[in-house]
Amino acid sequence: MITRIVGSFWFRALLSAAVLVYLLARLDWREAGAVLVAVDPWYFLAAVSVDAGARAMMISRWVVLLRSSGATVSVWDTARIFFVSSFIGTALPTGGADVTRAYALSRHTDDGRGALASVAVDRLLGIAALMTLAVVGLTRASTDDIQPLGPLVAGLSVATVGMATAAFWADRVVRLVLPTRTQQTTLGHWLVDTADHVARYRERRGILAAVFGQSLVVQGLRILEVFLLGTGLGLDVGLGYYLIFMPIGLLAFMLPISIAGIGVPQGVIVWLLRPAGVPDARSFALSTLVVLLGVLGTLPGLYLHLRARGHQG
């Protein structure tokens, strides 16, 4: 019952709204608005360009995963599914884009489990790469740079990378955890089969290494994107600080705890930038720009979606 409530659309919507109201009540929202509209347009355009490069690399790594599994989907169809699902996902709880992407792909391949597995592996490697960058940032930082949040970031990063890696042994975990009777039900068969599809990537070490390398580039570009937006807003925070702490903020955008990244992830970014001496109004403006740029990046999906509906009509 509790799991169903927490996972519901309305719970996430209410949580997002509650955090957003809390943030607006604690900061000067007029100042935040003034900072937001005063962003340097050149830095904003640079961030848009970096975002476009990151999305192109996301498509590339998914193509590599799909072709390693034998899926016969063209690069164009892969890109179209990626952009359309990203656009539709902006109106869904965080993670909805991945579900939409897996469903759309299954209609092209007739392999729903394989489609879901490719999306799951793509997401797992992305998360692992993001938190790996946080660990790299921590190893290069001085003690003063990482206080007081450094130990928390280190623990969360290592734990997240560990869990993402362990997910490739989901086939063994599912069979160990689920009772035999449950495994024989429709849901049990689905879980076991999906876990088996994910586990098959375990033997494709070269592919996983290549996709993980691409994921490091993607996540590095996303951190650079936030740095450019922050600089455009006048935040006096170095790229090294973003490398250490922003993976936690970006992870919050990826987790199914909000609607379109509004609310909780914004609160996380505000919290992460406080030790750097950034006023809440400015960090809230930055988090809002991150959300807006994320929506802007899905607009090609809107065009492709409307174009497909026009052809159907």
C-alpha atoms as a PDB file:
ATOM      1  CA  MET A   1       0.000   0.000   0.000  1.00  0.00           C
ATOM      2  CA  ILE A   2       2.765   2.440   0.961  1.00  0.00           C
ATOM      3  CA  THR A   3       4.788   1.552  -2.156  1.00  0.00           C
ATOM      4  CA  ARG A   4       1.758   2.164  -4.356  1.00  0.00           C
ATOM      5  CA  ILE A   5       1.134   5.573  -2.781  1.00  0.00           C
ATOM      6  CA  VAL A   6       4.784   6.681  -3.012  1.00  0.00           C
ATOM      7  CA  GLY A   7       4.975   5.558  -6.633  1.00  0.00           C
ATOM      8  CA  SER A   8       1.762   7.291  -7.691  1.00  0.00           C
ATOM      9  CA  PHE A   9       1.623  10.328  -9.953  1.00  0.00           C
ATOM     10  CA  TRP A  10      -0.329  12.381  -7.421  1.00  0.00           C
ATOM     11  CA  PHE A  11       2.123  11.718  -4.583  1.00  0.00           C
ATOM     12  CA  ARG A  12       5.043  12.916  -6.722  1.00  0.00           C
ATOM     13  CA  ALA A  13       3.047  15.894  -7.943  1.00  0.00           C
ATOM     14  CA  LEU A  14       2.121  16.885  -4.395  1.00  0.00           C
ATOM     15  CA  LEU A  15       5.707  16.356  -3.208  1.00  0.00           C
ATOM     16  CA  SER A  16       7.035  18.510  -6.057  1.00  0.00           C
ATOM     17  CA  ALA A  17       4.477  21.227  -5.297  1.00  0.00           C
ATOM     18  CA  ALA A  18       5.176  21.117  -1.551  1.00  0.00           C
ATOM     19  CA  VAL A  19       8.952  21.479  -2.002  1.00  0.00           C
ATOM     20  CA  LEU A  20       8.441  24.244  -4.561  1.00  0.00           C
ATOM     21  CA  VAL A  21       6.130  26.179  -2.224  1.00  0.00           C
ATOM     22  CA  TYR A  22       8.591  25.689   0.647  1.00  0.00           C
ATOM     23  CA  LEU A  23      11.478  27.040  -1.426  1.00  0.00           C
ATOM     24  CA  LEU A  24       9.501  30.045  -2.650  1.00  0.00           C
ATOM     25  CA  ALA A  25       8.413  30.825   0.906  1.00  0.00           C
ATOM     26  CA  ARG A  26      12.018  30.807   2.173  1.00  0.00           C
ATOM     27  CA  LEU A  27      13.645  32.869  -0.556  1.00  0.00           C
ATOM     28  CA  ASP A  28      13.039  36.169  -2.272  1.00  0.00           C
ATOM     29  CA  TRP A  29      11.258  34.913  -5.376  1.00  0.00           C
ATOM     30  CA  ARG A  30      11.323  38.378  -6.931  1.00  0.00           C
ATOM     31  CA  GLU A  31      15.107  38.361  -6.665  1.00  0.00           C
ATOM     32  CA  ALA A  32      15.196  34.843  -8.079  1.00  0.00           C
ATOM     33  CA  GLY A  33      13.085  35.968 -11.020  1.00  0.00           C
ATOM     34  CA  ALA A  34      15.302  38.995 -11.618  1.00  0.00           C
ATOM     35  CA  VAL A  35      18.421  36.811 -11.573  1.00  0.00           C
ATOM     36  CA  LEU A  36      16.792  34.311 -13.913  1.00  0.00           C
ATOM     37  CA  VAL A  37      15.906  36.813 -16.631  1.00  0.00           C
ATOM     38  CA  ALA A  38      19.320  38.483 -16.343  1.00  0.00           C
ATOM     39  CA  VAL A  39      21.239  35.356 -17.382  1.00  0.00           C
ATOM     40  CA  ASP A  40      24.048  36.085 -19.827  1.00  0.00           C
ATOM     41  CA  PRO A  41      22.645  34.997 -23.239  1.00  0.00           C
ATOM     42  CA  TRP A  42      26.044  33.830 -24.501  1.00  0.00           C
ATOM     43  CA  TYR A  43      26.524  31.461 -21.578  1.00  0.00           C
ATOM     44  CA  PHE A  44      22.945  30.262 -22.009  1.00  0.00           C
ATOM     45  CA  LEU A  45      23.514  29.554 -25.716  1.00  0.00           C
ATOM     46  CA  ALA A  46      26.736  27.759 -24.844  1.00  0.00           C
ATOM     47  CA  ALA A  47      24.792  25.597 -22.381  1.00  0.00           C
ATOM     48  CA  VAL A  48      22.181  24.862 -25.061  1.00  0.00           C
ATOM     49  CA  SER A  49      24.948  23.731 -27.426  1.00  0.00           C
ATOM     50  CA  VAL A  50      26.493  21.509 -24.755  1.00  0.00           C
ATOM     51  CA  ASP A  51      23.055  20.037 -24.000  1.00  0.00           C
ATOM     52  CA  ALA A  52      22.568  19.215 -27.687  1.00  0.00           C
ATOM     53  CA  GLY A  53      25.935  17.455 -27.756  1.00  0.00           C
ATOM     54  CA  ALA A  54      25.044  15.453 -24.648  1.00  0.00           C
ATOM     55  CA  ARG A  55      21.744  14.321 -26.167  1.00  0.00           C
ATOM     56  CA  ALA A  56      23.474  13.273 -29.388  1.00  0.00           C
ATOM     57  CA  MET A  57      25.874  11.164 -27.329  1.00  0.00           C
ATOM     58  CA  MET A  58      22.944   9.650 -25.398  1.00  0.00           C
ATOM     59  CA  ILE A  59      21.428   8.488 -28.670  1.00  0.00           C
ATOM     60  CA  SER A  60      24.785   7.130 -29.816  1.00  0.00           C
ATOM     61  CA  ARG A  61      25.310   5.017 -26.708  1.00  0.00           C
ATOM     62  CA  TRP A  62      21.768   3.621 -26.941  1.00  0.00           C
ATOM     63  CA  VAL A  63      22.398   2.639 -30.569  1.00  0.00           C
ATOM     64  CA  VAL A  64      25.517   0.757 -29.448  1.00  0.00           C
ATOM     65  CA  LEU A  65      23.527  -1.138 -26.810  1.00  0.00           C
ATOM     66  CA  LEU A  66      20.716  -1.981 -29.204  1.00  0.00           C
ATOM     67  CA  ARG A  67      22.996  -3.263 -31.940  1.00  0.00           C
ATOM     68  CA  SER A  68      24.904  -5.400 -29.453  1.00  0.00           C
ATOM     69  CA  SER A  69      21.626  -7.157 -28.649  1.00  0.00           C
ATOM     70  CA  GLY A  70      20.793  -7.742 -32.319  1.00  0.00           C
ATOM     71  CA  ALA A  71      17.947  -5.215 -32.483  1.00  0.00           C
ATOM     72  CA  THR A  72      17.399  -4.000 -36.037  1.00  0.00           C
ATOM     73  CA  VAL A  73      16.419  -0.399 -35.403  1.00  0.00           C
ATOM     74  CA  SER A  74      17.841   2.376 -37.563  1.00  0.00           C
ATOM     75  CA  VAL A  75      19.709   5.320 -36.092  1.00  0.00           C
ATOM     76  CA  TRP A  76      16.894   7.621 -37.254  1.00  0.00           C
ATOM     77  CA  ASP A  77      14.201   5.527 -35.562  1.00  0.00           C
ATOM     78  CA  THR A  78      16.311   5.351 -32.413  1.00  0.00           C
ATOM     79  CA  ALA A  79      16.729   9.143 -32.372  1.00  0.00           C
ATOM     80  CA  ARG A  80      13.038   9.688 -33.049  1.00  0.00           C
ATOM     81  CA  ILE A  81      12.004   7.348 -30.222  1.00  0.00           C
ATOM     82  CA  PHE A  82      14.497   9.049 -27.896  1.00  0.00           C
ATOM     83  CA  PHE A  83      13.280  12.580 -28.606  1.00  0.00           C
ATOM     84  CA  VAL A  84       9.551  11.811 -28.649  1.00  0.00           C
ATOM     85  CA  SER A  85       9.731   9.804 -25.408  1.00  0.00           C
ATOM     86  CA  SER A  86      11.765  12.614 -23.810  1.00  0.00           C
ATOM     87  CA  PHE A  87       9.086  15.128 -24.776  1.00  0.00           C
ATOM     88  CA  ILE A  88       6.221  12.961 -23.525  1.00  0.00           C
ATOM     89  CA  GLY A  89       8.221  12.282 -20.360  1.00  0.00           C
ATOM     90  CA  THR A  90       8.187  15.975 -19.401  1.00  0.00           C
ATOM     91  CA  ALA A  91       4.512  15.590 -18.478  1.00  0.00           C
ATOM     92  CA  LEU A  92       5.129  12.381 -16.536  1.00  0.00           C
ATOM     93  CA  PRO A  93       6.864  11.625 -13.240  1.00  0.00           C
ATOM     94  CA  THR A  94      10.646  11.454 -13.533  1.00  0.00           C
ATOM     95  CA  GLY A  95      11.440   8.111 -15.169  1.00  0.00           C
ATOM     96  CA  GLY A  96       8.324   8.235 -17.328  1.00  0.00           C
ATOM     97  CA  ALA A  97      10.448   8.995 -20.387  1.00  0.00           C
ATOM     98  CA  ASP A  98      12.307   5.705 -19.904  1.00  0.00           C
ATOM     99  CA  VAL A  99       9.065   3.747 -19.703  1.00  0.00           C
ATOM    100  CA  THR A 100       7.767   5.499 -22.821  1.00  0.00           C
ATOM    101  CA  ARG A 101      11.060   4.839 -24.610  1.00  0.00           C
ATOM    102  CA  ALA A 102      10.973   1.115 -23.776  1.00  0.00           C
ATOM    103  CA  TYR A 103       7.335   0.830 -24.900  1.00  0.00           C
ATOM    104  CA  ALA A 104       7.972   2.639 -28.192  1.00  0.00           C
ATOM    105  CA  LEU A 105      11.036   0.512 -28.895  1.00  0.00           C
ATOM    106  CA  SER A 106       9.135  -2.710 -28.177  1.00  0.00           C
ATOM    107  CA  ARG A 107       6.732  -1.807 -30.987  1.00  0.00           C
ATOM    108  CA  HIS A 108       9.681  -1.723 -33.387  1.00  0.00           C
ATOM    109  CA  THR A 109      11.403  -4.900 -32.209  1.00  0.00           C
ATOM    110  CA  ASP A 110       8.575  -7.127 -30.908  1.00  0.00           C
ATOM    111  CA  ASP A 111      10.799  -7.797 -27.908  1.00  0.00           C
ATOM    112  CA  GLY A 112       9.410  -5.954 -24.927  1.00  0.00           C
ATOM    113  CA  ARG A 113      11.836  -7.497 -22.427  1.00  0.00           C
ATOM    114  CA  GLY A 114      14.842  -6.698 -24.602  1.00  0.00           C
ATOM    115  CA  ALA A 115      13.627  -3.132 -25.133  1.00  0.00           C
ATOM    116  CA  LEU A 116      13.182  -2.601 -21.407  1.00  0.00           C
ATOM    117  CA  ALA A 117      16.584  -4.152 -20.714  1.00  0.00           C
ATOM    118  CA  SER A 118      18.346  -1.821 -23.163  1.00  0.00           C
ATOM    119  CA  VAL A 119      16.763   1.221 -21.524  1.00  0.00           C
ATOM    120  CA  ALA A 120      17.556  -0.090 -18.038  1.00  0.00           C
ATOM    121  CA  VAL A 121      21.205  -0.754 -18.908  1.00  0.00           C
ATOM    122  CA  ASP A 122      21.471   2.650 -20.573  1.00  0.00           C
ATOM    123  CA  ARG A 123      20.155   4.295 -17.405  1.00  0.00           C
ATOM    124  CA  LEU A 124      22.305   2.187 -15.062  1.00  0.00           C
ATOM    125  CA  LEU A 125      25.505   3.044 -16.908  1.00  0.00           C
ATOM    126  CA  GLY A 126      24.514   6.712 -16.975  1.00  0.00           C
ATOM    127  CA  ILE A 127      24.015   6.787 -13.213  1.00  0.00           C
ATOM    128  CA  ALA A 128      27.238   4.871 -12.565  1.00  0.00           C
ATOM    129  CA  ALA A 129      29.190   7.285 -14.782  1.00  0.00           C
ATOM    130  CA  LEU A 130      27.659  10.320 -13.087  1.00  0.00           C
ATOM    131  CA  MET A 131      28.620   9.195  -9.611  1.00  0.00           C
ATOM    132  CA  THR A 132      32.049   8.050 -10.798  1.00  0.00           C
ATOM    133  CA  LEU A 133      32.718  11.656 -11.803  1.00  0.00           C
ATOM    134  CA  ALA A 134      31.783  12.727  -8.273  1.00  0.00           C
ATOM    135  CA  VAL A 135      34.363  10.299  -6.876  1.00  0.00           C
ATOM    136  CA  VAL A 136      36.980  11.643  -9.305  1.00  0.00           C
ATOM    137  CA  GLY A 137      36.148  15.172  -8.198  1.00  0.00           C
ATOM    138  CA  LEU A 138      36.515  14.225  -4.546  1.00  0.00           C
ATOM    139  CA  THR A 139      39.955  12.680  -5.091  1.00  0.00           C
ATOM    140  CA  ARG A 140      41.214  15.898  -6.676  1.00  0.00           C
ATOM    141  CA  ALA A 141      39.740  18.299  -4.122  1.00  0.00           C
ATOM    142  CA  SER A 142      41.244  19.682  -0.951  1.00  0.00           C
ATOM    143  CA  THR A 143      39.679  19.036   2.447  1.00  0.00           C
ATOM    144  CA  ASP A 144      38.328  22.585   2.628  1.00  0.00           C
ATOM    145  CA  ASP A 145      36.622  22.212  -0.759  1.00  0.00           C
ATOM    146  CA  ILE A 146      34.530  19.208   0.237  1.00  0.00           C
ATOM    147  CA  GLN A 147      33.338  20.223   3.709  1.00  0.00           C
ATOM    148  CA  PRO A 148      30.752  19.745   5.104  1.00  0.00           C
ATOM    149  CA  LEU A 149      29.036  17.600   2.439  1.00  0.00           C
ATOM    150  CA  GLY A 150      32.063  15.670   1.192  1.00  0.00           C
ATOM    151  CA  PRO A 151      31.625  12.496   3.288  1.00  0.00           C
ATOM    152  CA  LEU A 152      27.948  12.284   2.325  1.00  0.00           C
ATOM    153  CA  VAL A 153      28.743  12.675  -1.376  1.00  0.00           C
ATOM    154  CA  ALA A 154      31.509  10.073  -1.153  1.00  0.00           C
ATOM    155  CA  GLY A 155      29.292   7.511   0.570  1.00  0.00           C
ATOM    156  CA  LEU A 156      26.341   8.100  -1.733  1.00  0.00           C
ATOM    157  CA  SER A 157      28.547   7.959  -4.834  1.00  0.00           C
ATOM    158  CA  VAL A 158      30.222   4.681  -3.926  1.00  0.00           C
ATOM    159  CA  ALA A 159      26.915   3.108  -2.890  1.00  0.00           C
ATOM    160  CA  THR A 160      25.176   4.212  -6.087  1.00  0.00           C
ATOM    161  CA  VAL A 161      27.954   2.905  -8.354  1.00  0.00           C
ATOM    162  CA  GLY A 162      27.917  -0.368  -6.417  1.00  0.00           C
ATOM    163  CA  MET A 163      24.166  -0.830  -6.757  1.00  0.00           C
ATOM    164  CA  ALA A 164      24.228   0.058 -10.462  1.00  0.00           C
ATOM    165  CA  THR A 165      26.947  -2.522 -11.039  1.00  0.00           C
ATOM    166  CA  ALA A 166      25.145  -5.171  -8.971  1.00  0.00           C
ATOM    167  CA  ALA A 167      22.042  -4.720 -11.145  1.00  0.00           C
ATOM    168  CA  PHE A 168      23.793  -6.724 -13.876  1.00  0.00           C
ATOM    169  CA  TRP A 169      23.416  -9.751 -11.615  1.00  0.00           C
ATOM    170  CA  ALA A 170      19.665  -9.140 -11.293  1.00  0.00           C
ATOM    171  CA  ASP A 171      18.918 -12.580 -12.748  1.00  0.00           C
ATOM    172  CA  ARG A 172      20.466 -14.269  -9.725  1.00  0.00           C
ATOM    173  CA  VAL A 173      18.970 -11.798  -7.263  1.00  0.00           C
ATOM    174  CA  VAL A 174      15.421 -12.197  -8.620  1.00  0.00           C
ATOM    175  CA  ARG A 175      15.605 -15.985  -8.489  1.00  0.00           C
ATOM    176  CA  LEU A 176      17.030 -15.837  -4.982  1.00  0.00           C
ATOM    177  CA  VAL A 177      14.519 -13.333  -3.601  1.00  0.00           C
ATOM    178  CA  LEU A 178      11.294 -14.392  -5.334  1.00  0.00           C
ATOM    179  CA  PRO A 179       9.625 -17.554  -4.044  1.00  0.00           C
ATOM    180  CA  THR A 180       9.323 -20.320  -6.638  1.00  0.00           C
ATOM    181  CA  ARG A 181       5.545 -20.014  -6.667  1.00  0.00           C
ATOM    182  CA  THR A 182       5.766 -16.299  -7.420  1.00  0.00           C
ATOM    183  CA  GLN A 183       8.255 -16.928 -10.234  1.00  0.00           C
ATOM    184  CA  GLN A 184       5.639 -19.105 -11.922  1.00  0.00           C
ATOM    185  CA  THR A 185       3.045 -16.324 -12.055  1.00  0.00           C
ATOM    186  CA  THR A 186       2.682 -13.936 -15.003  1.00  0.00           C
ATOM    187  CA  LEU A 187       4.412 -11.137 -13.098  1.00  0.00           C
ATOM    188  CA  GLY A 188       7.106 -13.522 -11.880  1.00  0.00           C
ATOM    189  CA  HIS A 189       7.824 -14.720 -15.419  1.00  0.00           C
ATOM    190  CA  TRP A 190       8.044 -11.107 -16.560  1.00  0.00           C
ATOM    191  CA  LEU A 191      10.494 -10.155 -13.785  1.00  0.00           C
ATOM    192  CA  VAL A 192      12.717 -13.188 -14.328  1.00  0.00           C
ATOM    193  CA  ASP A 193      12.733 -12.760 -18.105  1.00  0.00           C
ATOM    194  CA  THR A 194      13.542  -9.040 -17.870  1.00  0.00           C
ATOM    195  CA  ALA A 195      16.342  -9.725 -15.366  1.00  0.00           C
ATOM    196  CA  ASP A 196      17.749 -12.339 -17.740  1.00  0.00           C
ATOM    197  CA  HIS A 197      17.792  -9.807 -20.579  1.00  0.00           C
ATOM    198  CA  VAL A 198      19.667  -7.306 -18.409  1.00  0.00           C
ATOM    199  CA  ALA A 199      22.128  -9.984 -17.298  1.00  0.00           C
ATOM    200  CA  ARG A 200      23.014 -10.824 -20.909  1.00  0.00           C
ATOM    201  CA  TYR A 201      24.841  -7.520 -21.121  1.00  0.00           C
ATOM    202  CA  ARG A 202      27.157  -8.813 -18.400  1.00  0.00           C
ATOM    203  CA  GLU A 203      28.978 -10.910 -20.967  1.00  0.00           C
ATOM    204  CA  ARG A 204      29.419  -7.983 -23.373  1.00  0.00           C
ATOM    205  CA  ARG A 205      32.276  -6.368 -21.516  1.00  0.00           C
ATOM    206  CA  GLY A 206      33.597  -4.493 -24.520  1.00  0.00           C
ATOM    207  CA  ILE A 207      30.181  -2.997 -25.230  1.00  0.00           C
ATOM    208  CA  LEU A 208      29.664  -2.043 -21.595  1.00  0.00           C
ATOM    209  CA  ALA A 209      33.089  -0.399 -21.476  1.00  0.00           C
ATOM    210  CA  ALA A 210      32.368   1.578 -24.656  1.00  0.00           C
ATOM    211  CA  VAL A 211      28.945   2.711 -23.450  1.00  0.00           C
ATOM    212  CA  PHE A 212      30.312   3.561 -20.008  1.00  0.00           C
ATOM    213  CA  GLY A 213      32.964   5.713 -21.679  1.00  0.00           C
ATOM    214  CA  GLN A 214      30.269   7.503 -23.650  1.00  0.00           C
ATOM    215  CA  SER A 215      28.279   7.925 -20.446  1.00  0.00           C
ATOM    216  CA  LEU A 216      31.248   9.619 -18.777  1.00  0.00           C
ATOM    217  CA  VAL A 217      31.323  12.105 -21.653  1.00  0.00           C
ATOM    218  CA  VAL A 218      27.561  12.660 -21.413  1.00  0.00           C
ATOM    219  CA  GLN A 219      27.617  13.295 -17.682  1.00  0.00           C
ATOM    220  CA  GLY A 220      30.696  15.482 -17.962  1.00  0.00           C
ATOM    221  CA  LEU A 221      28.850  17.596 -20.538  1.00  0.00           C
ATOM    222  CA  ARG A 222      25.811  17.833 -18.271  1.00  0.00           C
ATOM    223  CA  ILE A 223      27.949  19.079 -15.383  1.00  0.00           C
ATOM    224  CA  LEU A 224      29.621  21.564 -17.739  1.00  0.00           C
ATOM    225  CA  GLU A 225      26.150  22.665 -18.835  1.00  0.00           C
ATOM    226  CA  VAL A 226      25.158  23.498 -15.241  1.00  0.00           C
ATOM    227  CA  PHE A 227      28.474  25.280 -14.713  1.00  0.00           C
ATOM    228  CA  LEU A 228      27.839  27.453 -17.792  1.00  0.00           C
ATOM    229  CA  LEU A 229      24.342  28.305 -16.590  1.00  0.00           C
ATOM    230  CA  GLY A 230      25.663  29.152 -13.123  1.00  0.00           C
ATOM    231  CA  THR A 231      28.390  31.340 -14.570  1.00  0.00           C
ATOM    232  CA  GLY A 232      25.812  33.041 -16.778  1.00  0.00           C
ATOM    233  CA  LEU A 233      23.853  33.862 -13.630  1.00  0.00           C
ATOM    234  CA  GLY A 234      26.923  35.358 -11.975  1.00  0.00           C
ATOM    235  CA  LEU A 235      27.596  32.518  -9.507  1.00  0.00           C
ATOM    236  CA  ASP A 236      31.210  32.603  -8.322  1.00  0.00           C
ATOM    237  CA  VAL A 237      31.586  28.823  -8.129  1.00  0.00           C
ATOM    238  CA  GLY A 238      34.421  26.940  -9.823  1.00  0.00           C
ATOM    239  CA  LEU A 239      33.973  23.970 -12.137  1.00  0.00           C
ATOM    240  CA  GLY A 240      35.704  21.744  -9.563  1.00  0.00           C
ATOM    241  CA  TYR A 241      32.901  22.330  -7.046  1.00  0.00           C
ATOM    242  CA  TYR A 242      30.291  21.408  -9.646  1.00  0.00           C
ATOM    243  CA  LEU A 243      32.208  18.233 -10.488  1.00  0.00           C
ATOM    244  CA  ILE A 244      32.102  17.139  -6.854  1.00  0.00           C
ATOM    245  CA  PHE A 245      28.574  18.050  -5.828  1.00  0.00           C
ATOM    246  CA  MET A 246      26.443  18.529  -8.918  1.00  0.00           C
ATOM    247  CA  PRO A 247      26.266  14.769  -9.668  1.00  0.00           C
ATOM    248  CA  ILE A 248      24.023  14.542  -6.590  1.00  0.00           C
ATOM    249  CA  GLY A 249      21.809  17.303  -7.978  1.00  0.00           C
ATOM    250  CA  LEU A 250      21.635  15.694 -11.417  1.00  0.00           C
ATOM    251  CA  LEU A 251      20.911  12.317  -9.810  1.00  0.00           C
ATOM    252  CA  ALA A 252      17.896  13.914  -8.124  1.00  0.00           C
ATOM    253  CA  PHE A 253      16.619  14.903 -11.572  1.00  0.00           C
ATOM    254  CA  MET A 254      16.950  11.280 -12.729  1.00  0.00           C
ATOM    255  CA  LEU A 255      15.171   9.636  -9.797  1.00  0.00           C
ATOM    256  CA  PRO A 256      11.370   9.071  -9.827  1.00  0.00           C
ATOM    257  CA  ILE A 257      10.665  11.620  -7.090  1.00  0.00           C
ATOM    258  CA  SER A 258       9.275  14.590  -9.000  1.00  0.00           C
ATOM    259  CA  ILE A 259       7.332  15.774 -12.034  1.00  0.00           C
ATOM    260  CA  ALA A 260       9.615  17.070 -14.823  1.00  0.00           C
ATOM    261  CA  GLY A 261      12.376  17.768 -12.292  1.00  0.00           C
ATOM    262  CA  ILE A 262      10.343  20.444 -10.498  1.00  0.00           C
ATOM    263  CA  GLY A 263      10.454  20.720  -6.714  1.00  0.00           C
ATOM    264  CA  VAL A 264      12.663  18.120  -5.044  1.00  0.00           C
ATOM    265  CA  PRO A 265      15.646  18.307  -7.467  1.00  0.00           C
ATOM    266  CA  GLN A 266      15.542  22.095  -7.267  1.00  0.00           C
ATOM    267  CA  GLY A 267      15.661  21.891  -3.485  1.00  0.00           C
ATOM    268  CA  VAL A 268      18.645  19.544  -3.703  1.00  0.00           C
ATOM    269  CA  ILE A 269      20.575  22.030  -5.871  1.00  0.00           C
ATOM    270  CA  VAL A 270      19.779  24.879  -3.472  1.00  0.00           C
ATOM    271  CA  TRP A 271      21.050  22.751  -0.592  1.00  0.00           C
ATOM    272  CA  LEU A 272      24.225  21.700  -2.434  1.00  0.00           C
ATOM    273  CA  LEU A 273      25.218  25.266  -3.278  1.00  0.00           C
ATOM    274  CA  ARG A 274      24.778  26.695   0.230  1.00  0.00           C
ATOM    275  CA  PRO A 275      28.249  25.598   1.420  1.00  0.00           C
ATOM    276  CA  ALA A 276      29.696  27.497  -1.565  1.00  0.00           C
ATOM    277  CA  GLY A 277      28.062  30.674  -0.257  1.00  0.00           C
ATOM    278  CA  VAL A 278      25.474  30.922  -3.035  1.00  0.00           C
ATOM    279  CA  PRO A 279      22.277  32.738  -1.951  1.00  0.00           C
ATOM    280  CA  ASP A 280      19.175  30.572  -2.182  1.00  0.00           C
ATOM    281  CA  ALA A 281      17.540  32.910  -4.691  1.00  0.00           C
ATOM    282  CA  ARG A 282      20.441  32.501  -7.119  1.00  0.00           C
ATOM    283  CA  SER A 283      20.732  28.729  -6.716  1.00  0.00           C
ATOM    284  CA  PHE A 284      16.965  28.425  -7.186  1.00  0.00           C
ATOM    285  CA  ALA A 285      17.282  30.462 -10.385  1.00  0.00           C
ATOM    286  CA  LEU A 286      19.999  28.053 -11.531  1.00  0.00           C
ATOM    287  CA  SER A 287      17.853  25.002 -10.787  1.00  0.00           C
ATOM    288  CA  THR A 288      14.974  26.587 -12.701  1.00  0.00           C
ATOM    289  CA  LEU A 289      17.237  27.167 -15.698  1.00  0.00           C
ATOM    290  CA  VAL A 290      18.287  23.505 -15.565  1.00  0.00           C
ATOM    291  CA  VAL A 291      14.607  22.500 -15.705  1.00  0.00           C
ATOM    292  CA  LEU A 292      13.868  24.931 -18.548  1.00  0.00           C
ATOM    293  CA  LEU A 293      16.864  23.778 -20.571  1.00  0.00           C
ATOM    294  CA  GLY A 294      15.779  20.194 -20.062  1.00  0.00           C
ATOM    295  CA  VAL A 295      12.340  21.022 -21.468  1.00  0.00           C
ATOM    296  CA  LEU A 296      13.910  22.989 -24.329  1.00  0.00           C
ATOM    297  CA  GLY A 297      15.967  19.951 -25.261  1.00  0.00           C
ATOM    298  CA  THR A 298      12.798  17.895 -25.747  1.00  0.00           C
ATOM    299  CA  LEU A 299      11.231  20.280 -28.299  1.00  0.00           C
ATOM    300  CA  PRO A 300      12.525  18.240 -31.263  1.00  0.00           C
ATOM    301  CA  GLY A 301      10.383  15.450 -29.839  1.00  0.00           C
ATOM    302  CA  LEU A 302       7.340  17.724 -29.958  1.00  0.00           C
ATOM    303  CA  TYR A 303       7.998  18.453 -33.643  1.00  0.00           C
ATOM    304  CA  LEU A 304       8.475  14.762 -34.477  1.00  0.00           C
ATOM    305  CA  HIS A 305       5.368  13.809 -32.490  1.00  0.00           C
ATOM    306  CA  LEU A 306       3.189  16.387 -34.262  1.00  0.00           C
ATOM    307  CA  ARG A 307       4.655  15.392 -37.622  1.00  0.00           C
ATOM    308  CA  ALA A 308       3.807  11.720 -37.009  1.00  0.00           C
ATOM    309  CA  ARG A 309       0.252  12.618 -35.969  1.00  0.00           C
ATOM    310  CA  GLY A 310      -0.088  14.744 -39.125  1.00  0.00           C
ATOM    311  CA  HIS A 311       0.921  11.814 -41.312  1.00  0.00           C
ATOM    312  CA  GLN A 312      -1.535   9.552 -39.526  1.00  0.00           C
ATOM    313  CA  GLY A 313      -4.301  12.100 -40.086  1.00  0.00           C
END
